[in-house]
Amino acid sequence: MNNRYKILYTKQGLKDKRIAFKAGYGQKIENILSTLKENPFAGYPPYEKLVGDLAGAYSRRINLKHRVVYQVYNEERIVKIISMWLHYE
């Protein structure tokens, strides 16, 4: 049985992915997505549990300004990418 997580994107997440790749962050994002597919709670790169409007979501740093923001659905083995550009918009 495949224990990997499936990556899904919100409309904004997919738009942000295209922008981030064009800006030269493709390899960093691919590394983060690879980690999320294997284990969204793995320790590296470090993740942060979000609060407020994004409570229940997590983020991982692309660089100082940009984050991958995502939600995890453990039972379904799904990671939903909410956004990848700017800081918690």
PDB file of N, CA and C in Angstrom:
ATOM      1  N   MET A   1       0.841  -1.191   0.000  1.00  0.00           N
ATOM      2  CA  MET A   1       0.000   0.000   0.000  1.00  0.00           C
ATOM      3  C   MET A   1       0.880   1.245   0.000  1.00  0.00           C
ATOM      4  N   ASN A   2       0.493   2.218  -0.769  1.00  0.00           N
ATOM      5  CA  ASN A   2       1.246   3.464  -0.858  1.00  0.00           C
ATOM      6  C   ASN A   2       0.881   4.369   0.314  1.00  0.00           C
ATOM      7  N   ASN A   3       1.854   4.693   1.155  1.00  0.00           N
ATOM      8  CA  ASN A   3       1.605   5.538   2.316  1.00  0.00           C
ATOM      9  C   ASN A   3       1.893   7.003   2.061  1.00  0.00           C
ATOM     10  N   ARG A   4       2.241   7.334   0.840  1.00  0.00           N
ATOM     11  CA  ARG A   4       2.550   8.725   0.524  1.00  0.00           C
ATOM     12  C   ARG A   4       1.277   9.568   0.532  1.00  0.00           C
ATOM     13  N   TYR A   5       1.459  10.848   0.803  1.00  0.00           N
ATOM     14  CA  TYR A   5       0.353  11.795   0.761  1.00  0.00           C
ATOM     15  C   TYR A   5       0.195  12.328  -0.656  1.00  0.00           C
ATOM     16  N   LYS A   6      -1.032  12.575  -1.041  1.00  0.00           N
ATOM     17  CA  LYS A   6      -1.333  13.172  -2.339  1.00  0.00           C
ATOM     18  C   LYS A   6      -1.378  14.687  -2.155  1.00  0.00           C
ATOM     19  N   ILE A   7      -0.785  15.425  -3.086  1.00  0.00           N
ATOM     20  CA  ILE A   7      -0.780  16.885  -3.032  1.00  0.00           C
ATOM     21  C   ILE A   7      -1.921  17.417  -3.891  1.00  0.00           C
ATOM     22  N   LEU A   8      -2.785  18.227  -3.290  1.00  0.00           N
ATOM     23  CA  LEU A   8      -3.847  18.933  -3.999  1.00  0.00           C
ATOM     24  C   LEU A   8      -3.627  20.425  -3.803  1.00  0.00           C
ATOM     25  N   TYR A   9      -4.169  21.231  -4.696  1.00  0.00           N
ATOM     26  CA  TYR A   9      -3.974  22.677  -4.646  1.00  0.00           C
ATOM     27  C   TYR A   9      -5.307  23.408  -4.658  1.00  0.00           C
ATOM     28  N   THR A  10      -5.384  24.479  -3.877  1.00  0.00           N
ATOM     29  CA  THR A  10      -6.487  25.408  -4.059  1.00  0.00           C
ATOM     30  C   THR A  10      -6.187  26.190  -5.335  1.00  0.00           C
ATOM     31  N   LYS A  11      -7.155  26.922  -5.809  1.00  0.00           N
ATOM     32  CA  LYS A  11      -6.943  27.753  -6.998  1.00  0.00           C
ATOM     33  C   LYS A  11      -5.791  28.727  -6.753  1.00  0.00           C
ATOM     34  N   GLN A  12      -5.780  29.346  -5.569  1.00  0.00           N
ATOM     35  CA  GLN A  12      -4.715  30.287  -5.222  1.00  0.00           C
ATOM     36  C   GLN A  12      -3.375  29.576  -5.109  1.00  0.00           C
ATOM     37  N   GLY A  13      -3.366  28.398  -4.521  1.00  0.00           N
ATOM     38  CA  GLY A  13      -2.126  27.635  -4.381  1.00  0.00           C
ATOM     39  C   GLY A  13      -1.499  27.306  -5.721  1.00  0.00           C
ATOM     40  N   LEU A  14      -2.320  26.941  -6.692  1.00  0.00           N
ATOM     41  CA  LEU A  14      -1.814  26.617  -8.027  1.00  0.00           C
ATOM     42  C   LEU A  14      -1.286  27.867  -8.729  1.00  0.00           C
ATOM     43  N   LYS A  15      -2.000  28.970  -8.571  1.00  0.00           N
ATOM     44  CA  LYS A  15      -1.549  30.248  -9.145  1.00  0.00           C
ATOM     45  C   LYS A  15      -0.207  30.653  -8.529  1.00  0.00           C
ATOM     46  N   ASP A  16      -0.111  30.540  -7.215  1.00  0.00           N
ATOM     47  CA  ASP A  16       1.127  30.890  -6.513  1.00  0.00           C
ATOM     48  C   ASP A  16       2.290  30.006  -6.950  1.00  0.00           C
ATOM     49  N   LYS A  17       2.015  28.727  -7.187  1.00  0.00           N
ATOM     50  CA  LYS A  17       3.074  27.808  -7.612  1.00  0.00           C
ATOM     51  C   LYS A  17       3.685  28.273  -8.930  1.00  0.00           C
ATOM     52  N   ARG A  18       2.847  28.662  -9.868  1.00  0.00           N
ATOM     53  CA  ARG A  18       3.354  29.150 -11.159  1.00  0.00           C
ATOM     54  C   ARG A  18       4.210  30.405 -10.968  1.00  0.00           C
ATOM     55  N   ILE A  19       3.751  31.322 -10.130  1.00  0.00           N
ATOM     56  CA  ILE A  19       4.495  32.561  -9.869  1.00  0.00           C
ATOM     57  C   ILE A  19       5.843  32.241  -9.221  1.00  0.00           C
ATOM     58  N   ALA A  20       5.828  31.378  -8.212  1.00  0.00           N
ATOM     59  CA  ALA A  20       7.051  31.035  -7.480  1.00  0.00           C
ATOM     60  C   ALA A  20       8.070  30.340  -8.379  1.00  0.00           C
ATOM     61  N   PHE A  21       7.601  29.457  -9.252  1.00  0.00           N
ATOM     62  CA  PHE A  21       8.518  28.780 -10.176  1.00  0.00           C
ATOM     63  C   PHE A  21       9.142  29.784 -11.136  1.00  0.00           C
ATOM     64  N   LYS A  22       8.340  30.704 -11.654  1.00  0.00           N
ATOM     65  CA  LYS A  22       8.863  31.728 -12.569  1.00  0.00           C
ATOM     66  C   LYS A  22       9.885  32.620 -11.877  1.00  0.00           C
ATOM     67  N   ALA A  23       9.726  32.793 -10.561  1.00  0.00           N
ATOM     68  CA  ALA A  23      10.639  33.641  -9.795  1.00  0.00           C
ATOM     69  C   ALA A  23      11.921  32.903  -9.400  1.00  0.00           C
ATOM     70  N   GLY A  24      12.030  31.623  -9.757  1.00  0.00           N
ATOM     71  CA  GLY A  24      13.268  30.894  -9.496  1.00  0.00           C
ATOM     72  C   GLY A  24      13.282  30.040  -8.245  1.00  0.00           C
ATOM     73  N   TYR A  25      12.119  29.807  -7.629  1.00  0.00           N
ATOM     74  CA  TYR A  25      12.063  29.014  -6.398  1.00  0.00           C
ATOM     75  C   TYR A  25      11.619  27.571  -6.638  1.00  0.00           C
ATOM     76  N   GLY A  26      11.654  27.137  -7.887  1.00  0.00           N
ATOM     77  CA  GLY A  26      11.164  25.809  -8.243  1.00  0.00           C
ATOM     78  C   GLY A  26      11.804  24.676  -7.477  1.00  0.00           C
ATOM     79  N   GLN A  27      13.136  24.658  -7.385  1.00  0.00           N
ATOM     80  CA  GLN A  27      13.821  23.554  -6.706  1.00  0.00           C
ATOM     81  C   GLN A  27      13.487  23.527  -5.219  1.00  0.00           C
ATOM     82  N   LYS A  28      13.453  24.674  -4.592  1.00  0.00           N
ATOM     83  CA  LYS A  28      13.118  24.747  -3.165  1.00  0.00           C
ATOM     84  C   LYS A  28      11.696  24.231  -2.930  1.00  0.00           C
ATOM     85  N   ILE A  29      10.765  24.637  -3.800  1.00  0.00           N
ATOM     86  CA  ILE A  29       9.380  24.193  -3.667  1.00  0.00           C
ATOM     87  C   ILE A  29       9.273  22.690  -3.909  1.00  0.00           C
ATOM     88  N   GLU A  30       9.955  22.187  -4.906  1.00  0.00           N
ATOM     89  CA  GLU A  30       9.928  20.744  -5.169  1.00  0.00           C
ATOM     90  C   GLU A  30      10.452  19.962  -3.970  1.00  0.00           C
ATOM     91  N   ASN A  31      11.481  20.473  -3.311  1.00  0.00           N
ATOM     92  CA  ASN A  31      12.011  19.817  -2.109  1.00  0.00           C
ATOM     93  C   ASN A  31      10.971  19.794  -0.991  1.00  0.00           C
ATOM     94  N   ILE A  32      10.281  20.923  -0.799  1.00  0.00           N
ATOM     95  CA  ILE A  32       9.241  20.998   0.232  1.00  0.00           C
ATOM     96  C   ILE A  32       8.100  20.046  -0.112  1.00  0.00           C
ATOM     97  N   LEU A  33       7.647  20.046  -1.367  1.00  0.00           N
ATOM     98  CA  LEU A  33       6.551  19.170  -1.780  1.00  0.00           C
ATOM     99  C   LEU A  33       6.930  17.699  -1.622  1.00  0.00           C
ATOM    100  N   SER A  34       8.173  17.370  -1.904  1.00  0.00           N
ATOM    101  CA  SER A  34       8.645  15.999  -1.728  1.00  0.00           C
ATOM    102  C   SER A  34       8.554  15.581  -0.263  1.00  0.00           C
ATOM    103  N   THR A  35       8.958  16.477   0.633  1.00  0.00           N
ATOM    104  CA  THR A  35       8.849  16.213   2.069  1.00  0.00           C
ATOM    105  C   THR A  35       7.394  16.037   2.469  1.00  0.00           C
ATOM    106  N   LEU A  36       6.515  16.906   1.968  1.00  0.00           N
ATOM    107  CA  LEU A  36       5.098  16.830   2.318  1.00  0.00           C
ATOM    108  C   LEU A  36       4.472  15.526   1.835  1.00  0.00           C
ATOM    109  N   LYS A  37       4.892  15.041   0.685  1.00  0.00           N
ATOM    110  CA  LYS A  37       4.362  13.772   0.162  1.00  0.00           C
ATOM    111  C   LYS A  37       4.749  12.599   1.058  1.00  0.00           C
ATOM    112  N   GLU A  38       5.960  12.642   1.588  1.00  0.00           N
ATOM    113  CA  GLU A  38       6.447  11.553   2.441  1.00  0.00           C
ATOM    114  C   GLU A  38       5.882  11.643   3.850  1.00  0.00           C
ATOM    115  N   ASN A  39       5.977  12.839   4.448  1.00  0.00           N
ATOM    116  CA  ASN A  39       5.514  13.046   5.821  1.00  0.00           C
ATOM    117  C   ASN A  39       5.358  14.542   6.069  1.00  0.00           C
ATOM    118  N   PRO A  40       4.122  15.058   6.058  1.00  0.00           N
ATOM    119  CA  PRO A  40       3.919  16.496   6.239  1.00  0.00           C
ATOM    120  C   PRO A  40       4.323  17.008   7.617  1.00  0.00           C
ATOM    121  N   PHE A  41       4.641  16.098   8.526  1.00  0.00           N
ATOM    122  CA  PHE A  41       5.065  16.509   9.863  1.00  0.00           C
ATOM    123  C   PHE A  41       6.546  16.242  10.108  1.00  0.00           C
ATOM    124  N   ALA A  42       7.292  15.948   9.056  1.00  0.00           N
ATOM    125  CA  ALA A  42       8.739  15.749   9.183  1.00  0.00           C
ATOM    126  C   ALA A  42       9.379  17.046   9.665  1.00  0.00           C
ATOM    127  N   GLY A  43      10.474  16.926  10.388  1.00  0.00           N
ATOM    128  CA  GLY A  43      11.092  18.078  11.021  1.00  0.00           C
ATOM    129  C   GLY A  43      11.859  19.024  10.125  1.00  0.00           C
ATOM    130  N   TYR A  44      12.235  18.588   8.929  1.00  0.00           N
ATOM    131  CA  TYR A  44      13.025  19.483   8.085  1.00  0.00           C
ATOM    132  C   TYR A  44      12.483  19.468   6.664  1.00  0.00           C
ATOM    133  N   PRO A  45      12.356  20.634   6.028  1.00  0.00           N
ATOM    134  CA  PRO A  45      12.533  21.946   6.645  1.00  0.00           C
ATOM    135  C   PRO A  45      11.471  22.163   7.714  1.00  0.00           C
ATOM    136  N   PRO A  46      11.808  22.945   8.752  1.00  0.00           N
ATOM    137  CA  PRO A  46      10.896  23.133   9.879  1.00  0.00           C
ATOM    138  C   PRO A  46       9.536  23.661   9.423  1.00  0.00           C
ATOM    139  N   TYR A  47       8.507  23.246  10.131  1.00  0.00           N
ATOM    140  CA  TYR A  47       7.177  23.763   9.838  1.00  0.00           C
ATOM    141  C   TYR A  47       6.633  24.500  11.047  1.00  0.00           C
ATOM    142  N   GLU A  48       5.624  25.326  10.805  1.00  0.00           N
ATOM    143  CA  GLU A  48       4.999  26.113  11.854  1.00  0.00           C
ATOM    144  C   GLU A  48       3.501  25.861  11.802  1.00  0.00           C
ATOM    145  N   LYS A  49       2.901  25.586  12.943  1.00  0.00           N
ATOM    146  CA  LYS A  49       1.452  25.444  13.028  1.00  0.00           C
ATOM    147  C   LYS A  49       0.862  26.847  13.120  1.00  0.00           C
ATOM    148  N   LEU A  50      -0.096  27.141  12.261  1.00  0.00           N
ATOM    149  CA  LEU A  50      -0.636  28.489  12.179  1.00  0.00           C
ATOM    150  C   LEU A  50      -1.842  28.660  13.098  1.00  0.00           C
ATOM    151  N   VAL A  51      -2.126  29.915  13.436  1.00  0.00           N
ATOM    152  CA  VAL A  51      -3.244  30.264  14.311  1.00  0.00           C
ATOM    153  C   VAL A  51      -4.097  31.330  13.622  1.00  0.00           C
ATOM    154  N   GLY A  52      -5.144  31.766  14.298  1.00  0.00           N
ATOM    155  CA  GLY A  52      -5.998  32.816  13.736  1.00  0.00           C
ATOM    156  C   GLY A  52      -6.813  32.301  12.565  1.00  0.00           C
ATOM    157  N   ASP A  53      -6.896  33.100  11.508  1.00  0.00           N
ATOM    158  CA  ASP A  53      -7.675  32.728  10.322  1.00  0.00           C
ATOM    159  C   ASP A  53      -7.169  31.448   9.672  1.00  0.00           C
ATOM    160  N   LEU A  54      -5.908  31.135   9.877  1.00  0.00           N
ATOM    161  CA  LEU A  54      -5.318  29.941   9.260  1.00  0.00           C
ATOM    162  C   LEU A  54      -5.110  28.807  10.272  1.00  0.00           C
ATOM    163  N   ALA A  55      -5.854  28.849  11.384  1.00  0.00           N
ATOM    164  CA  ALA A  55      -5.749  27.789  12.390  1.00  0.00           C
ATOM    165  C   ALA A  55      -6.031  26.443  11.735  1.00  0.00           C
ATOM    166  N   GLY A  56      -5.221  25.460  12.070  1.00  0.00           N
ATOM    167  CA  GLY A  56      -5.358  24.134  11.482  1.00  0.00           C
ATOM    168  C   GLY A  56      -4.475  23.935  10.266  1.00  0.00           C
ATOM    169  N   ALA A  57      -3.843  25.001   9.811  1.00  0.00           N
ATOM    170  CA  ALA A  57      -2.928  24.922   8.668  1.00  0.00           C
ATOM    171  C   ALA A  57      -1.493  24.999   9.183  1.00  0.00           C
ATOM    172  N   TYR A  58      -0.565  24.689   8.294  1.00  0.00           N
ATOM    173  CA  TYR A  58       0.861  24.708   8.607  1.00  0.00           C
ATOM    174  C   TYR A  58       1.586  25.490   7.525  1.00  0.00           C
ATOM    175  N   SER A  59       2.805  25.915   7.838  1.00  0.00           N
ATOM    176  CA  SER A  59       3.605  26.582   6.807  1.00  0.00           C
ATOM    177  C   SER A  59       5.049  26.116   6.887  1.00  0.00           C
ATOM    178  N   ARG A  60       5.694  26.189   5.732  1.00  0.00           N
ATOM    179  CA  ARG A  60       7.136  25.935   5.622  1.00  0.00           C
ATOM    180  C   ARG A  60       7.722  27.055   4.796  1.00  0.00           C
ATOM    181  N   ARG A  61       8.873  27.482   5.194  1.00  0.00           N
ATOM    182  CA  ARG A  61       9.547  28.617   4.588  1.00  0.00           C
ATOM    183  C   ARG A  61      10.148  28.278   3.224  1.00  0.00           C
ATOM    184  N   ILE A  62       9.841  29.134   2.220  1.00  0.00           N
ATOM    185  CA  ILE A  62      10.539  29.078   0.937  1.00  0.00           C
ATOM    186  C   ILE A  62      11.763  29.978   1.036  1.00  0.00           C
ATOM    187  N   ASN A  63      11.560  31.180   1.559  1.00  0.00           N
ATOM    188  CA  ASN A  63      12.639  32.125   1.860  1.00  0.00           C
ATOM    189  C   ASN A  63      12.129  33.037   2.971  1.00  0.00           C
ATOM    190  N   LEU A  64      12.771  34.162   3.216  1.00  0.00           N
ATOM    191  CA  LEU A  64      12.337  35.029   4.317  1.00  0.00           C
ATOM    192  C   LEU A  64      10.935  35.583   4.121  1.00  0.00           C
ATOM    193  N   LYS A  65      10.535  35.808   2.884  1.00  0.00           N
ATOM    194  CA  LYS A  65       9.242  36.436   2.611  1.00  0.00           C
ATOM    195  C   LYS A  65       8.134  35.440   2.286  1.00  0.00           C
ATOM    196  N   HIS A  66       8.460  34.338   1.647  1.00  0.00           N
ATOM    197  CA  HIS A  66       7.446  33.443   1.107  1.00  0.00           C
ATOM    198  C   HIS A  66       7.370  32.119   1.860  1.00  0.00           C
ATOM    199  N   ARG A  67       6.143  31.589   1.962  1.00  0.00           N
ATOM    200  CA  ARG A  67       5.881  30.337   2.669  1.00  0.00           C
ATOM    201  C   ARG A  67       4.965  29.448   1.839  1.00  0.00           C
ATOM    202  N   VAL A  68       5.106  28.154   1.995  1.00  0.00           N
ATOM    203  CA  VAL A  68       4.105  27.208   1.519  1.00  0.00           C
ATOM    204  C   VAL A  68       3.148  27.007   2.690  1.00  0.00           C
ATOM    205  N   VAL A  69       1.880  27.333   2.489  1.00  0.00           N
ATOM    206  CA  VAL A  69       0.854  27.174   3.520  1.00  0.00           C
ATOM    207  C   VAL A  69      -0.028  26.003   3.099  1.00  0.00           C
ATOM    208  N   TYR A  70      -0.255  25.067   4.021  1.00  0.00           N
ATOM    209  CA  TYR A  70      -0.972  23.847   3.663  1.00  0.00           C
ATOM    210  C   TYR A  70      -1.786  23.290   4.824  1.00  0.00           C
ATOM    211  N   GLN A  71      -2.761  22.460   4.474  1.00  0.00           N
ATOM    212  CA  GLN A  71      -3.558  21.720   5.445  1.00  0.00           C
ATOM    213  C   GLN A  71      -3.304  20.232   5.218  1.00  0.00           C
ATOM    214  N   VAL A  72      -3.412  19.464   6.288  1.00  0.00           N
ATOM    215  CA  VAL A  72      -3.180  18.024   6.209  1.00  0.00           C
ATOM    216  C   VAL A  72      -4.468  17.292   6.583  1.00  0.00           C
ATOM    217  N   TYR A  73      -4.855  16.347   5.733  1.00  0.00           N
ATOM    218  CA  TYR A  73      -5.998  15.470   5.977  1.00  0.00           C
ATOM    219  C   TYR A  73      -5.440  14.052   6.102  1.00  0.00           C
ATOM    220  N   ASN A  74      -5.133  13.666   7.339  1.00  0.00           N
ATOM    221  CA  ASN A  74      -4.435  12.397   7.587  1.00  0.00           C
ATOM    222  C   ASN A  74      -5.201  11.172   7.116  1.00  0.00           C
ATOM    223  N   GLU A  75      -6.479  11.093   7.419  1.00  0.00           N
ATOM    224  CA  GLU A  75      -7.243   9.897   7.053  1.00  0.00           C
ATOM    225  C   GLU A  75      -7.271   9.682   5.549  1.00  0.00           C
ATOM    226  N   GLU A  76      -7.364  10.774   4.790  1.00  0.00           N
ATOM    227  CA  GLU A  76      -7.405  10.686   3.331  1.00  0.00           C
ATOM    228  C   GLU A  76      -6.017  10.679   2.705  1.00  0.00           C
ATOM    229  N   ARG A  77      -4.992  10.918   3.524  1.00  0.00           N
ATOM    230  CA  ARG A  77      -3.596  11.006   3.049  1.00  0.00           C
ATOM    231  C   ARG A  77      -3.458  12.117   2.006  1.00  0.00           C
ATOM    232  N   ILE A  78      -4.003  13.298   2.339  1.00  0.00           N
ATOM    233  CA  ILE A  78      -3.988  14.445   1.426  1.00  0.00           C
ATOM    234  C   ILE A  78      -3.331  15.632   2.109  1.00  0.00           C
ATOM    235  N   VAL A  79      -2.496  16.341   1.347  1.00  0.00           N
ATOM    236  CA  VAL A  79      -1.968  17.643   1.754  1.00  0.00           C
ATOM    237  C   VAL A  79      -2.521  18.645   0.750  1.00  0.00           C
ATOM    238  N   LYS A  80      -3.260  19.635   1.257  1.00  0.00           N
ATOM    239  CA  LYS A  80      -3.842  20.657   0.382  1.00  0.00           C
ATOM    240  C   LYS A  80      -3.016  21.937   0.493  1.00  0.00           C
ATOM    241  N   ILE A  81      -2.437  22.354  -0.630  1.00  0.00           N
ATOM    242  CA  ILE A  81      -1.637  23.573  -0.669  1.00  0.00           C
ATOM    243  C   ILE A  81      -2.585  24.762  -0.797  1.00  0.00           C
ATOM    244  N   ILE A  82      -2.534  25.662   0.179  1.00  0.00           N
ATOM    245  CA  ILE A  82      -3.403  26.837   0.201  1.00  0.00           C
ATOM    246  C   ILE A  82      -2.755  27.991  -0.547  1.00  0.00           C
ATOM    247  N   SER A  83      -1.482  28.223  -0.262  1.00  0.00           N
ATOM    248  CA  SER A  83      -0.759  29.309  -0.939  1.00  0.00           C
ATOM    249  C   SER A  83       0.735  29.039  -0.882  1.00  0.00           C
ATOM    250  N   MET A  84       1.477  29.778  -1.733  1.00  0.00           N
ATOM    251  CA  MET A  84       2.939  29.643  -1.780  1.00  0.00           C
ATOM    252  C   MET A  84       3.624  30.984  -1.952  1.00  0.00           C
ATOM    253  N   TRP A  85       2.891  32.037  -1.983  1.00  0.00           N
ATOM    254  CA  TRP A  85       3.497  33.321  -2.307  1.00  0.00           C
ATOM    255  C   TRP A  85       3.085  34.337  -1.273  1.00  0.00           C
ATOM    256  N   LEU A  86       4.016  35.133  -0.838  1.00  0.00           N
ATOM    257  CA  LEU A  86       3.846  36.129   0.214  1.00  0.00           C
ATOM    258  C   LEU A  86       3.652  35.436   1.550  1.00  0.00           C
ATOM    259  N   HIS A  87       3.474  36.221   2.570  1.00  0.00           N
ATOM    260  CA  HIS A  87       3.484  35.703   3.932  1.00  0.00           C
ATOM    261  C   HIS A  87       2.073  35.728   4.508  1.00  0.00           C
ATOM    262  N   TYR A  88       1.391  34.594   4.464  1.00  0.00           N
ATOM    263  CA  TYR A  88       0.078  34.390   5.088  1.00  0.00           C
ATOM    264  C   TYR A  88      -0.989  35.343   4.594  1.00  0.00           C
ATOM    265  N   GLU A  89      -1.108  35.501   3.295  1.00  0.00           N
ATOM    266  CA  GLU A  89      -2.159  36.381   2.796  1.00  0.00           C
ATOM    267  C   GLU A  89      -3.461  35.641   2.644  1.00  0.00           C
TER     268      GLU A  89
END
